[in-house]
């Protein structure tokens, strides 16, 4: 029994390798039946995600370069560096714990 077990595992690995190679050969020969469907889904998602026009201060912007410029200006105004006075801890008095 102990001498047969490694042979069974070896044959199982060989069988799975052969099955995998046959499936790859079949896929290469016949192609993927769902490719057209998935590519159409991807194309429709790209069309949905595209920005064709935006509204900037009541004006509709429709060209690529003006849209890009409006987006950059919008986010630049929100994320520009501001000089803010921050509190420091230099002159603060802290309570000390006593050993009792």
PDB file of N, CA and C in Angstrom:
ATOM      1  N   UNK A   1       0.822  -1.198   0.000  1.00  0.00           N
ATOM      2  CA  UNK A   1       0.000   0.000   0.000  1.00  0.00           C
ATOM      3  C   UNK A   1       0.864   1.260   0.000  1.00  0.00           C
ATOM      4  N   UNK A   2       1.962   1.237   0.798  1.00  0.00           N
ATOM      5  CA  UNK A   2       2.832   2.417   0.866  1.00  0.00           C
ATOM      6  C   UNK A   2       3.581   2.652  -0.448  1.00  0.00           C
ATOM      7  N   UNK A   3       3.847   1.606  -1.171  1.00  0.00           N
ATOM      8  CA  UNK A   3       4.579   1.783  -2.430  1.00  0.00           C
ATOM      9  C   UNK A   3       3.655   2.242  -3.564  1.00  0.00           C
ATOM     10  N   UNK A   4       2.353   1.994  -3.461  1.00  0.00           N
ATOM     11  CA  UNK A   4       1.406   2.371  -4.511  1.00  0.00           C
ATOM     12  C   UNK A   4       0.976   3.828  -4.391  1.00  0.00           C
ATOM     13  N   UNK A   5       0.910   4.386  -3.180  1.00  0.00           N
ATOM     14  CA  UNK A   5       0.423   5.748  -2.961  1.00  0.00           C
ATOM     15  C   UNK A   5       1.198   6.807  -3.747  1.00  0.00           C
ATOM     16  N   UNK A   6       2.538   6.802  -3.732  1.00  0.00           N
ATOM     17  CA  UNK A   6       3.244   7.818  -4.549  1.00  0.00           C
ATOM     18  C   UNK A   6       2.954   7.688  -6.045  1.00  0.00           C
ATOM     19  N   UNK A   7       2.770   6.451  -6.511  1.00  0.00           N
ATOM     20  CA  UNK A   7       2.452   6.261  -7.925  1.00  0.00           C
ATOM     21  C   UNK A   7       1.087   6.844  -8.271  1.00  0.00           C
ATOM     22  N   UNK A   8       0.134   6.682  -7.370  1.00  0.00           N
ATOM     23  CA  UNK A   8      -1.209   7.232  -7.607  1.00  0.00           C
ATOM     24  C   UNK A   8      -1.154   8.753  -7.669  1.00  0.00           C
ATOM     25  N   UNK A   9      -0.421   9.371  -6.750  1.00  0.00           N
ATOM     26  CA  UNK A   9      -0.287  10.839  -6.765  1.00  0.00           C
ATOM     27  C   UNK A   9       0.423  11.307  -8.025  1.00  0.00           C
ATOM     28  N   UNK A  10       1.431  10.593  -8.440  1.00  0.00           N
ATOM     29  CA  UNK A  10       2.170  10.957  -9.651  1.00  0.00           C
ATOM     30  C   UNK A  10       1.262  10.859 -10.876  1.00  0.00           C
ATOM     31  N   UNK A  11       0.496   9.787 -10.983  1.00  0.00           N
ATOM     32  CA  UNK A  11      -0.420   9.620 -12.108  1.00  0.00           C
ATOM     33  C   UNK A  11      -1.509  10.702 -12.091  1.00  0.00           C
ATOM     34  N   UNK A  12      -1.969  11.082 -10.900  1.00  0.00           N
ATOM     35  CA  UNK A  12      -2.979  12.129 -10.790  1.00  0.00           C
ATOM     36  C   UNK A  12      -2.440  13.463 -11.289  1.00  0.00           C
ATOM     37  N   UNK A  13      -1.198  13.785 -10.920  1.00  0.00           N
ATOM     38  CA  UNK A  13      -0.583  15.035 -11.401  1.00  0.00           C
ATOM     39  C   UNK A  13      -0.413  15.014 -12.913  1.00  0.00           C
ATOM     40  N   UNK A  14       0.017  13.899 -13.453  1.00  0.00           N
ATOM     41  CA  UNK A  14       0.194  13.781 -14.907  1.00  0.00           C
ATOM     42  C   UNK A  14      -1.152  13.940 -15.612  1.00  0.00           C
ATOM     43  N   UNK A  15      -2.196  13.324 -15.061  1.00  0.00           N
ATOM     44  CA  UNK A  15      -3.530  13.422 -15.649  1.00  0.00           C
ATOM     45  C   UNK A  15      -4.030  14.862 -15.634  1.00  0.00           C
ATOM     46  N   UNK A  16      -3.841  15.564 -14.517  1.00  0.00           N
ATOM     47  CA  UNK A  16      -4.296  16.959 -14.447  1.00  0.00           C
ATOM     48  C   UNK A  16      -3.513  17.835 -15.416  1.00  0.00           C
ATOM     49  N   UNK A  17      -2.225  17.564 -15.589  1.00  0.00           N
ATOM     50  CA  UNK A  17      -1.407  18.325 -16.545  1.00  0.00           C
ATOM     51  C   UNK A  17      -1.899  18.100 -17.972  1.00  0.00           C
ATOM     52  N   UNK A  18      -2.202  16.866 -18.300  1.00  0.00           N
ATOM     53  CA  UNK A  18      -2.693  16.548 -19.645  1.00  0.00           C
ATOM     54  C   UNK A  18      -4.049  17.218 -19.888  1.00  0.00           C
ATOM     55  N   UNK A  19      -4.932  17.159 -18.900  1.00  0.00           N
ATOM     56  CA  UNK A  19      -6.243  17.806 -19.038  1.00  0.00           C
ATOM     57  C   UNK A  19      -6.093  19.308 -19.236  1.00  0.00           C
ATOM     58  N   UNK A  20      -5.191  19.933 -18.492  1.00  0.00           N
ATOM     59  CA  UNK A  20      -4.969  21.377 -18.631  1.00  0.00           C
ATOM     60  C   UNK A  20      -4.445  21.705 -20.017  1.00  0.00           C
ATOM     61  N   UNK A  21      -3.473  20.919 -20.507  1.00  0.00           N
ATOM     62  CA  UNK A  21      -2.921  21.162 -21.835  1.00  0.00           C
ATOM     63  C   UNK A  21      -3.978  20.984 -22.922  1.00  0.00           C
ATOM     64  N   UNK A  22      -4.842  19.988 -22.769  1.00  0.00           N
ATOM     65  CA  UNK A  22      -5.904  19.782 -23.750  1.00  0.00           C
ATOM     66  C   UNK A  22      -6.896  20.939 -23.742  1.00  0.00           C
ATOM     67  N   UNK A  23      -7.216  21.469 -22.559  1.00  0.00           N
ATOM     68  CA  UNK A  23      -8.145  22.600 -22.500  1.00  0.00           C
ATOM     69  C   UNK A  23      -7.534  23.842 -23.143  1.00  0.00           C
ATOM     70  N   UNK A  24      -6.234  24.073 -22.932  1.00  0.00           N
ATOM     71  CA  UNK A  24      -5.571  25.216 -23.561  1.00  0.00           C
ATOM     72  C   UNK A  24      -5.538  25.053 -25.081  1.00  0.00           C
ATOM     73  N   UNK A  25      -5.287  23.824 -25.552  1.00  0.00           N
ATOM     74  CA  UNK A  25      -5.272  23.556 -26.991  1.00  0.00           C
ATOM     75  C   UNK A  25      -6.646  23.812 -27.598  1.00  0.00           C
ATOM     76  N   UNK A  26      -7.702  23.357 -26.927  1.00  0.00           N
ATOM     77  CA  UNK A  26      -9.059  23.584 -27.396  1.00  0.00           C
ATOM     78  C   UNK A  26      -9.383  25.073 -27.424  1.00  0.00           C
ATOM     79  N   UNK A  27      -8.960  25.805 -26.400  1.00  0.00           N
ATOM     80  CA  UNK A  27      -9.220  27.248 -26.350  1.00  0.00           C
ATOM     81  C   UNK A  27      -8.495  27.961 -27.489  1.00  0.00           C
ATOM     82  N   UNK A  28      -7.241  27.567 -27.750  1.00  0.00           N
ATOM     83  CA  UNK A  28      -6.489  28.200 -28.842  1.00  0.00           C
ATOM     84  C   UNK A  28      -7.095  27.871 -30.200  1.00  0.00           C
ATOM     85  N   UNK A  29      -7.589  26.650 -30.356  1.00  0.00           N
ATOM     86  CA  UNK A  29      -8.156  26.234 -31.631  1.00  0.00           C
ATOM     87  C   UNK A  29      -9.512  26.900 -31.888  1.00  0.00           C
ATOM     88  N   UNK A  30     -10.389  26.927 -30.885  1.00  0.00           N
ATOM     89  CA  UNK A  30     -11.742  27.399 -31.101  1.00  0.00           C
ATOM     90  C   UNK A  30     -11.980  28.825 -30.625  1.00  0.00           C
ATOM     91  N   UNK A  31     -11.121  29.327 -29.771  1.00  0.00           N
ATOM     92  CA  UNK A  31     -11.298  30.676 -29.256  1.00  0.00           C
ATOM     93  C   UNK A  31     -12.291  30.685 -28.108  1.00  0.00           C
ATOM     94  N   UNK A  32     -12.535  31.861 -27.587  1.00  0.00           N
ATOM     95  CA  UNK A  32     -13.442  32.023 -26.459  1.00  0.00           C
ATOM     96  C   UNK A  32     -14.796  32.469 -26.986  1.00  0.00           C
ATOM     97  N   UNK A  33     -15.845  31.740 -26.647  1.00  0.00           N
ATOM     98  CA  UNK A  33     -17.179  32.053 -27.159  1.00  0.00           C
ATOM     99  C   UNK A  33     -17.722  33.350 -26.586  1.00  0.00           C
ATOM    100  N   UNK A  34     -17.236  33.768 -25.424  1.00  0.00           N
ATOM    101  CA  UNK A  34     -17.785  34.951 -24.768  1.00  0.00           C
ATOM    102  C   UNK A  34     -16.980  36.231 -25.033  1.00  0.00           C
ATOM    103  N   UNK A  35     -15.950  36.171 -25.852  1.00  0.00           N
ATOM    104  CA  UNK A  35     -15.096  37.338 -26.071  1.00  0.00           C
ATOM    105  C   UNK A  35     -15.873  38.534 -26.604  1.00  0.00           C
ATOM    106  N   UNK A  36     -16.731  38.309 -27.585  1.00  0.00           N
ATOM    107  CA  UNK A  36     -17.496  39.408 -28.181  1.00  0.00           C
ATOM    108  C   UNK A  36     -18.385  40.062 -27.135  1.00  0.00           C
ATOM    109  N   UNK A  37     -18.999  39.260 -26.293  1.00  0.00           N
ATOM    110  CA  UNK A  37     -19.865  39.788 -25.232  1.00  0.00           C
ATOM    111  C   UNK A  37     -19.071  40.646 -24.258  1.00  0.00           C
ATOM    112  N   UNK A  38     -17.931  40.141 -23.778  1.00  0.00           N
ATOM    113  CA  UNK A  38     -17.151  40.879 -22.792  1.00  0.00           C
ATOM    114  C   UNK A  38     -16.550  42.153 -23.381  1.00  0.00           C
ATOM    115  N   UNK A  39     -16.109  42.107 -24.624  1.00  0.00           N
ATOM    116  CA  UNK A  39     -15.580  43.314 -25.247  1.00  0.00           C
ATOM    117  C   UNK A  39     -16.666  44.359 -25.444  1.00  0.00           C
ATOM    118  N   UNK A  40     -17.883  43.921 -25.742  1.00  0.00           N
ATOM    119  CA  UNK A  40     -18.973  44.891 -25.869  1.00  0.00           C
ATOM    120  C   UNK A  40     -19.312  45.511 -24.522  1.00  0.00           C
ATOM    121  N   UNK A  41     -19.250  44.731 -23.450  1.00  0.00           N
ATOM    122  CA  UNK A  41     -19.476  45.272 -22.102  1.00  0.00           C
ATOM    123  C   UNK A  41     -18.399  46.305 -21.762  1.00  0.00           C
ATOM    124  N   UNK A  42     -17.138  45.995 -22.071  1.00  0.00           N
ATOM    125  CA  UNK A  42     -16.049  46.947 -21.803  1.00  0.00           C
ATOM    126  C   UNK A  42     -16.231  48.234 -22.599  1.00  0.00           C
ATOM    127  N   UNK A  43     -16.613  48.112 -23.856  1.00  0.00           N
ATOM    128  CA  UNK A  43     -16.803  49.306 -24.688  1.00  0.00           C
ATOM    129  C   UNK A  43     -17.934  50.164 -24.153  1.00  0.00           C
ATOM    130  N   UNK A  44     -19.025  49.540 -23.694  1.00  0.00           N
ATOM    131  CA  UNK A  44     -20.136  50.336 -23.169  1.00  0.00           C
ATOM    132  C   UNK A  44     -19.747  51.017 -21.865  1.00  0.00           C
ATOM    133  N   UNK A  45     -18.920  50.349 -21.032  1.00  0.00           N
ATOM    134  CA  UNK A  45     -18.456  50.983 -19.788  1.00  0.00           C
ATOM    135  C   UNK A  45     -17.565  52.188 -20.093  1.00  0.00           C
ATOM    136  N   UNK A  46     -16.710  52.068 -21.119  1.00  0.00           N
ATOM    137  CA  UNK A  46     -15.863  53.199 -21.495  1.00  0.00           C
ATOM    138  C   UNK A  46     -16.698  54.371 -21.973  1.00  0.00           C
ATOM    139  N   UNK A  47     -17.753  54.090 -22.740  1.00  0.00           N
ATOM    140  CA  UNK A  47     -18.626  55.169 -23.204  1.00  0.00           C
ATOM    141  C   UNK A  47     -19.348  55.829 -22.030  1.00  0.00           C
ATOM    142  N   UNK A  48     -19.768  55.038 -21.039  1.00  0.00           N
ATOM    143  CA  UNK A  48     -20.463  55.587 -19.872  1.00  0.00           C
ATOM    144  C   UNK A  48     -19.522  56.424 -19.010  1.00  0.00           C
ATOM    145  N   UNK A  49     -18.249  56.027 -18.929  1.00  0.00           N
ATOM    146  CA  UNK A  49     -17.298  56.724 -18.071  1.00  0.00           C
ATOM    147  C   UNK A  49     -16.688  57.959 -18.724  1.00  0.00           C
ATOM    148  N   UNK A  50     -16.909  58.147 -20.013  1.00  0.00           N
ATOM    149  CA  UNK A  50     -16.334  59.296 -20.710  1.00  0.00           C
ATOM    150  C   UNK A  50     -17.073  60.574 -20.310  1.00  0.00           C
ATOM    151  N   UNK A  51     -16.323  61.663 -20.171  1.00  0.00           N
ATOM    152  CA  UNK A  51     -16.909  62.969 -19.859  1.00  0.00           C
ATOM    153  C   UNK A  51     -16.991  63.744 -21.167  1.00  0.00           C
ATOM    154  N   UNK A  52     -18.205  63.964 -21.656  1.00  0.00           N
ATOM    155  CA  UNK A  52     -18.364  64.664 -22.927  1.00  0.00           C
ATOM    156  C   UNK A  52     -18.620  66.152 -22.721  1.00  0.00           C
ATOM    157  N   UNK A  53     -19.216  66.519 -21.563  1.00  0.00           N
ATOM    158  CA  UNK A  53     -19.442  67.931 -21.270  1.00  0.00           C
ATOM    159  C   UNK A  53     -19.619  68.102 -19.766  1.00  0.00           C
ATOM    160  N   UNK A  54     -19.265  69.291 -19.285  1.00  0.00           N
ATOM    161  CA  UNK A  54     -19.471  69.627 -17.878  1.00  0.00           C
ATOM    162  C   UNK A  54     -20.022  71.049 -17.787  1.00  0.00           C
ATOM    163  N   UNK A  55     -20.591  71.355 -16.645  1.00  0.00           N
ATOM    164  CA  UNK A  55     -21.159  72.675 -16.404  1.00  0.00           C
ATOM    165  C   UNK A  55     -20.217  73.438 -15.473  1.00  0.00           C
ATOM    166  N   UNK A  56     -19.647  74.530 -15.976  1.00  0.00           N
ATOM    167  CA  UNK A  56     -18.712  75.335 -15.194  1.00  0.00           C
ATOM    168  C   UNK A  56     -19.288  76.734 -15.062  1.00  0.00           C
ATOM    169  N   UNK A  57     -19.681  77.089 -13.845  1.00  0.00           N
ATOM    170  CA  UNK A  57     -20.236  78.402 -13.534  1.00  0.00           C
ATOM    171  C   UNK A  57     -21.389  78.771 -14.480  1.00  0.00           C
ATOM    172  N   UNK A  58     -22.271  77.801 -14.729  1.00  0.00           N
ATOM    173  CA  UNK A  58     -23.440  78.049 -15.563  1.00  0.00           C
ATOM    174  C   UNK A  58     -23.193  77.944 -17.051  1.00  0.00           C
ATOM    175  N   UNK A  59     -21.977  77.633 -17.475  1.00  0.00           N
ATOM    176  CA  UNK A  59     -21.641  77.514 -18.895  1.00  0.00           C
ATOM    177  C   UNK A  59     -21.282  76.061 -19.188  1.00  0.00           C
ATOM    178  N   UNK A  60     -21.830  75.493 -20.248  1.00  0.00           N
ATOM    179  CA  UNK A  60     -21.536  74.118 -20.642  1.00  0.00           C
ATOM    180  C   UNK A  60     -20.232  74.093 -21.429  1.00  0.00           C
ATOM    181  N   UNK A  61     -19.280  73.285 -20.971  1.00  0.00           N
ATOM    182  CA  UNK A  61     -17.985  73.125 -21.633  1.00  0.00           C
ATOM    183  C   UNK A  61     -17.976  71.750 -22.283  1.00  0.00           C
ATOM    184  N   UNK A  62     -17.634  71.696 -23.600  1.00  0.00           N
ATOM    185  CA  UNK A  62     -17.755  70.440 -24.328  1.00  0.00           C
ATOM    186  C   UNK A  62     -16.486  69.961 -25.002  1.00  0.00           C
ATOM    187  N   UNK A  63     -15.426  70.710 -25.072  1.00  0.00           N
ATOM    188  CA  UNK A  63     -14.224  70.280 -25.775  1.00  0.00           C
ATOM    189  C   UNK A  63     -13.248  69.651 -24.784  1.00  0.00           C
ATOM    190  N   UNK A  64     -12.317  68.844 -25.271  1.00  0.00           N
ATOM    191  CA  UNK A  64     -11.404  68.098 -24.400  1.00  0.00           C
ATOM    192  C   UNK A  64     -10.507  69.030 -23.598  1.00  0.00           C
ATOM    193  N   UNK A  65      -9.854  69.954 -24.258  1.00  0.00           N
ATOM    194  CA  UNK A  65      -8.912  70.831 -23.555  1.00  0.00           C
ATOM    195  C   UNK A  65      -9.601  71.750 -22.540  1.00  0.00           C
ATOM    196  N   UNK A  66     -10.723  72.390 -22.857  1.00  0.00           N
ATOM    197  CA  UNK A  66     -11.401  73.192 -21.831  1.00  0.00           C
ATOM    198  C   UNK A  66     -11.917  72.361 -20.646  1.00  0.00           C
ATOM    199  N   UNK A  67     -12.378  71.125 -20.911  1.00  0.00           N
ATOM    200  CA  UNK A  67     -12.813  70.259 -19.804  1.00  0.00           C
ATOM    201  C   UNK A  67     -11.632  69.938 -18.908  1.00  0.00           C
ATOM    202  N   UNK A  68     -10.508  69.599 -19.523  1.00  0.00           N
ATOM    203  CA  UNK A  68      -9.303  69.284 -18.746  1.00  0.00           C
ATOM    204  C   UNK A  68      -8.875  70.488 -17.906  1.00  0.00           C
ATOM    205  N   UNK A  69      -8.898  71.664 -18.498  1.00  0.00           N
ATOM    206  CA  UNK A  69      -8.495  72.877 -17.788  1.00  0.00           C
ATOM    207  C   UNK A  69      -9.459  73.192 -16.640  1.00  0.00           C
ATOM    208  N   UNK A  70     -10.759  73.000 -16.851  1.00  0.00           N
ATOM    209  CA  UNK A  70     -11.746  73.258 -15.797  1.00  0.00           C
ATOM    210  C   UNK A  70     -11.557  72.291 -14.630  1.00  0.00           C
ATOM    211  N   UNK A  71     -11.263  71.028 -14.927  1.00  0.00           N
ATOM    212  CA  UNK A  71     -11.050  70.038 -13.861  1.00  0.00           C
ATOM    213  C   UNK A  71      -9.799  70.370 -13.064  1.00  0.00           C
ATOM    214  N   UNK A  72      -8.723  70.718 -13.769  1.00  0.00           N
ATOM    215  CA  UNK A  72      -7.473  71.073 -13.075  1.00  0.00           C
ATOM    216  C   UNK A  72      -7.671  72.302 -12.205  1.00  0.00           C
ATOM    217  N   UNK A  73      -8.347  73.320 -12.721  1.00  0.00           N
ATOM    218  CA  UNK A  73      -8.597  74.533 -11.927  1.00  0.00           C
ATOM    219  C   UNK A  73      -9.458  74.226 -10.707  1.00  0.00           C
ATOM    220  N   UNK A  74     -10.460  73.384 -10.865  1.00  0.00           N
ATOM    221  CA  UNK A  74     -11.340  73.038  -9.746  1.00  0.00           C
ATOM    222  C   UNK A  74     -10.557  72.374  -8.618  1.00  0.00           C
ATOM    223  N   UNK A  75      -9.764  71.359  -8.963  1.00  0.00           N
ATOM    224  CA  UNK A  75      -9.045  70.646  -7.919  1.00  0.00           C
ATOM    225  C   UNK A  75      -7.863  71.447  -7.396  1.00  0.00           C
ATOM    226  N   UNK A  76      -7.269  72.298  -8.220  1.00  0.00           N
ATOM    227  CA  UNK A  76      -6.174  73.153  -7.746  1.00  0.00           C
ATOM    228  C   UNK A  76      -6.687  74.143  -6.712  1.00  0.00           C
ATOM    229  N   UNK A  77      -7.906  74.633  -6.902  1.00  0.00           N
ATOM    230  CA  UNK A  77      -8.449  75.577  -5.929  1.00  0.00           C
ATOM    231  C   UNK A  77      -8.783  74.885  -4.608  1.00  0.00           C
ATOM    232  N   UNK A  78      -9.122  73.620  -4.661  1.00  0.00           N
ATOM    233  CA  UNK A  78      -9.456  72.893  -3.429  1.00  0.00           C
ATOM    234  C   UNK A  78      -8.227  72.393  -2.680  1.00  0.00           C
ATOM    235  N   UNK A  79      -7.142  72.143  -3.390  1.00  0.00           N
ATOM    236  CA  UNK A  79      -5.989  71.514  -2.763  1.00  0.00           C
ATOM    237  C   UNK A  79      -4.749  72.400  -2.729  1.00  0.00           C
ATOM    238  N   UNK A  80      -4.904  73.688  -2.886  1.00  0.00           N
ATOM    239  CA  UNK A  80      -3.725  74.556  -2.827  1.00  0.00           C
ATOM    240  C   UNK A  80      -3.272  74.696  -1.379  1.00  0.00           C
ATOM    241  N   UNK A  81      -2.007  74.985  -1.199  1.00  0.00           N
ATOM    242  CA  UNK A  81      -1.433  75.114   0.145  1.00  0.00           C
ATOM    243  C   UNK A  81      -1.891  76.418   0.780  1.00  0.00           C
ATOM    244  N   UNK A  82      -2.323  76.320   2.006  1.00  0.00           N
ATOM    245  CA  UNK A  82      -2.745  77.497   2.749  1.00  0.00           C
ATOM    246  C   UNK A  82      -1.795  77.698   3.924  1.00  0.00           C
ATOM    247  N   UNK A  83      -1.509  78.962   4.223  1.00  0.00           N
ATOM    248  CA  UNK A  83      -0.695  79.255   5.396  1.00  0.00           C
ATOM    249  C   UNK A  83      -1.614  79.316   6.604  1.00  0.00           C
ATOM    250  N   UNK A  84      -1.493  78.343   7.450  1.00  0.00           N
ATOM    251  CA  UNK A  84      -2.347  78.237   8.621  1.00  0.00           C
ATOM    252  C   UNK A  84      -1.469  78.361   9.860  1.00  0.00           C
ATOM    253  N   UNK A  85      -1.915  79.172  10.808  1.00  0.00           N
ATOM    254  CA  UNK A  85      -1.184  79.302  12.060  1.00  0.00           C
ATOM    255  C   UNK A  85      -1.531  78.088  12.915  1.00  0.00           C
ATOM    256  N   UNK A  86      -0.532  77.337  13.273  1.00  0.00           N
ATOM    257  CA  UNK A  86      -0.744  76.134  14.057  1.00  0.00           C
ATOM    258  C   UNK A  86      -0.252  76.366  15.483  1.00  0.00           C
ATOM    259  N   UNK A  87      -0.938  75.769  16.407  1.00  0.00           N
ATOM    260  CA  UNK A  87      -0.539  75.885  17.804  1.00  0.00           C
ATOM    261  C   UNK A  87       0.715  75.066  18.049  1.00  0.00           C
ATOM    262  N   UNK A  88       1.546  75.541  18.942  1.00  0.00           N
ATOM    263  CA  UNK A  88       2.743  74.776  19.298  1.00  0.00           C
ATOM    264  C   UNK A  88       2.632  74.357  20.765  1.00  0.00           C
ATOM    265  N   UNK A  89       3.438  73.421  21.148  1.00  0.00           N
ATOM    266  CA  UNK A  89       3.409  72.909  22.516  1.00  0.00           C
ATOM    267  C   UNK A  89       4.623  73.393  23.325  1.00  0.00           C
ATOM    268  N   UNK A  90       5.277  74.428  22.839  1.00  0.00           N
ATOM    269  CA  UNK A  90       6.500  74.892  23.493  1.00  0.00           C
ATOM    270  C   UNK A  90       6.244  75.438  24.895  1.00  0.00           C
ATOM    271  N   UNK A  91       5.212  76.240  25.095  1.00  0.00           N
ATOM    272  CA  UNK A  91       5.000  76.922  26.376  1.00  0.00           C
ATOM    273  C   UNK A  91       3.889  76.284  27.209  1.00  0.00           C
ATOM    274  N   UNK A  92       3.539  75.058  26.929  1.00  0.00           N
ATOM    275  CA  UNK A  92       2.477  74.412  27.684  1.00  0.00           C
ATOM    276  C   UNK A  92       3.037  73.763  28.950  1.00  0.00           C
ATOM    277  N   UNK A  93       2.239  73.773  29.998  1.00  0.00           N
ATOM    278  CA  UNK A  93       2.604  73.146  31.267  1.00  0.00           C
ATOM    279  C   UNK A  93       1.840  71.822  31.368  1.00  0.00           C
ATOM    280  N   UNK A  94       2.556  70.759  31.609  1.00  0.00           N
ATOM    281  CA  UNK A  94       1.928  69.459  31.716  1.00  0.00           C
ATOM    282  C   UNK A  94       1.902  69.016  33.180  1.00  0.00           C
ATOM    283  N   UNK A  95       0.881  68.296  33.537  1.00  0.00           N
ATOM    284  CA  UNK A  95       0.795  67.720  34.866  1.00  0.00           C
ATOM    285  C   UNK A  95       1.778  66.558  34.974  1.00  0.00           C
ATOM    286  N   UNK A  96       2.399  66.453  36.125  1.00  0.00           N
ATOM    287  CA  UNK A  96       3.361  65.380  36.345  1.00  0.00           C
ATOM    288  C   UNK A  96       2.782  64.377  37.322  1.00  0.00           C
ATOM    289  N   UNK A  97       3.063  63.128  37.075  1.00  0.00           N
ATOM    290  CA  UNK A  97       2.616  62.076  37.999  1.00  0.00           C
ATOM    291  C   UNK A  97       3.650  61.936  39.107  1.00  0.00           C
ATOM    292  N   UNK A  98       3.146  61.801  40.320  1.00  0.00           N
ATOM    293  CA  UNK A  98       4.075  61.621  41.434  1.00  0.00           C
ATOM    294  C   UNK A  98       4.113  60.151  41.830  1.00  0.00           C
ATOM    295  N   UNK A  99       5.241  59.731  42.321  1.00  0.00           N
ATOM    296  CA  UNK A  99       5.389  58.361  42.769  1.00  0.00           C
ATOM    297  C   UNK A  99       4.898  58.287  44.215  1.00  0.00           C
ATOM    298  N   UNK A 100       3.855  57.539  44.504  1.00  0.00           N
ATOM    299  CA  UNK A 100       3.347  57.439  45.867  1.00  0.00           C
ATOM    300  C   UNK A 100       3.215  56.019  46.309  1.00  0.00           C
TER     301      UNK A 100
END
